[in-house]
Structures are given as structure tokens and as C-alpha cells.
Amino acid sequence: EVQLQASGGGLVQAGGPLRLSCATSGFTFSNCPMSWGRQAPGKGFEWVSTINSGGTRATYADSVKGRFTISRDNAKNTLYLQMDSLKPEDTAIYYCSQSGSRGQGTQVTVSS
């Protein structure tokens, strides 16, 4: 069974940083591209970033490019999202995903 558990969310002031983690199990993590997505209140799901299986290539949504950095530790089966220069519009529940599976998210709230 694929399990994806995001953590590290919280309340942060605009301009501040936050680092999210996603612990995974139930599949061969090192073989899979991984993604982060988010859903803000009253809005649809938004893709944020994807990283390839080896951690050498990443893509980002324009809304987060230059502020967020995705990374992974294949030895620990863990995905990360470093978020810097946070804005109130980044407020959302953040999820990690693998091949369409989305685990439990973590709430990020950015105050102005």
C-alpha cells in the first residue's frame, strides 16, 4: 500500500521560510518521480513541483519558481520542499504525490 505522509506545515509570516517533508512507503521510492501539489481554500488542486527519480531535474509552477526548491533523499525514502519568501497566496494544504496517489497533506498558513 502506497503511503505518503506530509509534515512540516504551520503558521509563518510573509517573507519567511518553511520546509516540508514527505515520508513514503509501500513502493520503490528511488524509482519514481515525485511531486508536490497544493489546494487553497475554495480553489482547485494546483501542481507545484516535480523531481525526477534521481533528484537531478526539477520543474516548478511559475507561481513558485525561484522561491521553492524540491529535493529528495532516496536513502530515507523522503521528499522535501523548501519554501522561501512565502506569500499569503501560498496558504494551502500541501500534498506529496506519486503516480496520481496523494497522501495526507500538511497545512501551510502565511500571514501578511
Protein backbone atom coordinates (compact mmCIF):
# COMPACT_ATOMS: atom_id res chain seq x y z
CA GLU A 1 0.00 0.00 0.00
CA VAL A 2 1.38 3.39 -1.02
CA GLN A 3 1.68 5.73 1.94
CA LEU A 4 2.59 9.39 1.67
CA GLN A 5 2.68 11.50 4.82
CA ALA A 6 3.47 15.18 4.52
CA SER A 7 4.62 17.18 7.54
CA GLY A 8 6.30 20.43 8.47
CA GLY A 9 3.47 22.83 7.81
CA GLY A 10 2.50 25.63 10.14
CA LEU A 11 1.89 29.34 10.51
CA VAL A 12 4.58 31.64 9.17
CA GLN A 13 4.83 35.36 8.44
CA ALA A 14 5.07 36.57 4.87
CA GLY A 15 8.65 36.51 3.69
CA GLY A 16 9.57 33.64 5.97
CA PRO A 17 10.72 30.12 5.18
CA LEU A 18 9.24 26.71 5.82
CA ARG A 19 10.45 23.21 4.94
CA LEU A 20 8.04 20.42 4.22
CA SER A 21 8.85 16.72 4.35
CA CYS A 22 7.03 13.72 2.94
CA ALA A 23 7.73 10.29 4.37
CA THR A 24 6.88 7.48 1.98
CA SER A 25 6.48 3.71 2.00
CA GLY A 26 4.87 0.91 0.02
CA PHE A 27 6.72 1.47 -3.25
CA THR A 28 10.25 1.77 -4.59
CA PHE A 29 10.80 5.46 -3.89
CA SER A 30 14.13 5.71 -5.71
CA ASN A 31 12.50 4.61 -8.99
CA CYS A 32 9.70 7.18 -9.00
CA PRO A 33 9.38 10.82 -9.93
CA MET A 34 7.70 12.66 -7.08
CA SER A 35 5.63 15.80 -6.91
CA TRP A 36 4.22 18.41 -4.59
CA GLY A 37 0.84 19.99 -5.06
CA ARG A 38 -1.42 22.22 -3.04
CA GLN A 39 -5.03 23.15 -2.57
CA ALA A 40 -6.05 26.54 -1.27
CA PRO A 41 -9.43 27.14 0.38
CA GLY A 42 -12.17 27.24 -2.25
CA LYS A 43 -9.77 26.50 -5.10
CA GLY A 44 -8.80 23.51 -7.18
CA PHE A 45 -5.70 21.41 -6.79
CA GLU A 46 -2.56 23.12 -8.10
CA TRP A 47 0.61 21.34 -9.16
CA VAL A 48 3.68 22.93 -7.53
CA SER A 49 6.78 20.95 -8.45
CA THR A 50 8.12 17.62 -9.73
CA ILE A 51 11.51 16.00 -9.30
CA ASN A 52 12.87 13.05 -11.26
CA SER A 53 13.78 9.77 -9.61
CA GLY A 54 17.48 10.58 -9.31
CA GLY A 55 16.91 14.05 -7.95
CA THR A 56 18.81 15.69 -10.78
CA ARG A 57 15.97 17.53 -12.55
CA ALA A 58 13.10 19.56 -11.17
CA THR A 59 10.29 21.62 -12.62
CA TYR A 60 8.20 24.27 -10.92
CA ALA A 61 4.98 26.14 -11.37
CA ASP A 62 5.53 29.74 -12.37
CA SER A 63 3.88 30.85 -9.14
CA VAL A 64 6.66 29.33 -7.02
CA LYS A 65 9.66 29.37 -9.34
CA GLY A 66 12.69 30.94 -7.71
CA ARG A 67 11.17 30.66 -4.20
CA PHE A 68 10.60 26.92 -3.71
CA THR A 69 13.11 24.09 -4.03
CA ILE A 70 12.16 20.42 -4.28
CA SER A 71 14.62 17.74 -3.24
CA ARG A 72 14.71 14.12 -2.17
CA ASP A 73 16.72 11.66 -0.12
CA ASN A 74 16.40 8.26 -1.74
CA ALA A 75 18.19 6.58 1.17
CA LYS A 76 15.47 7.84 3.52
CA ASN A 77 12.53 7.50 1.09
CA THR A 78 11.73 11.12 1.82
CA LEU A 79 10.72 14.06 -0.33
CA TYR A 80 11.24 17.70 0.67
CA LEU A 81 10.01 21.13 -0.30
CA GLN A 82 11.98 24.15 0.86
CA MET A 83 9.76 27.20 0.66
CA ASP A 84 11.33 30.64 0.93
CA SER A 85 9.93 34.15 0.59
CA LEU A 86 6.47 32.87 1.38
CA LYS A 87 3.44 34.91 0.38
CA PRO A 88 -0.11 34.89 1.75
CA GLU A 89 -1.25 33.35 -1.54
CA ASP A 90 0.88 30.30 -0.74
CA THR A 91 -1.59 29.44 2.03
CA ALA A 92 -2.92 25.97 1.25
CA ILE A 93 -2.82 22.32 2.20
CA TYR A 94 0.30 20.83 0.64
CA TYR A 95 0.42 17.25 -0.56
CA CYS A 96 3.12 15.00 -1.94
CA SER A 97 2.12 12.67 -4.75
CA GLN A 98 3.39 9.71 -6.70
CA SER A 99 1.73 8.45 -9.90
CA GLY A 100 -1.53 10.11 -9.01
CA SER A 101 -1.61 8.89 -5.41
CA ARG A 102 -1.90 11.71 -2.90
CA GLY A 103 -1.36 11.20 0.78
CA GLN A 104 -2.30 13.22 3.81
CA GLY A 105 -1.42 16.86 3.44
CA THR A 106 0.02 19.47 5.74
CA GLN A 107 -1.45 22.91 6.28
CA VAL A 108 0.65 25.96 5.45
CA THR A 109 -0.69 29.34 6.51
CA VAL A 110 1.15 32.53 5.59
CA SER A 111 0.13 35.68 7.44
CA SER A 112 0.55 39.12 5.94
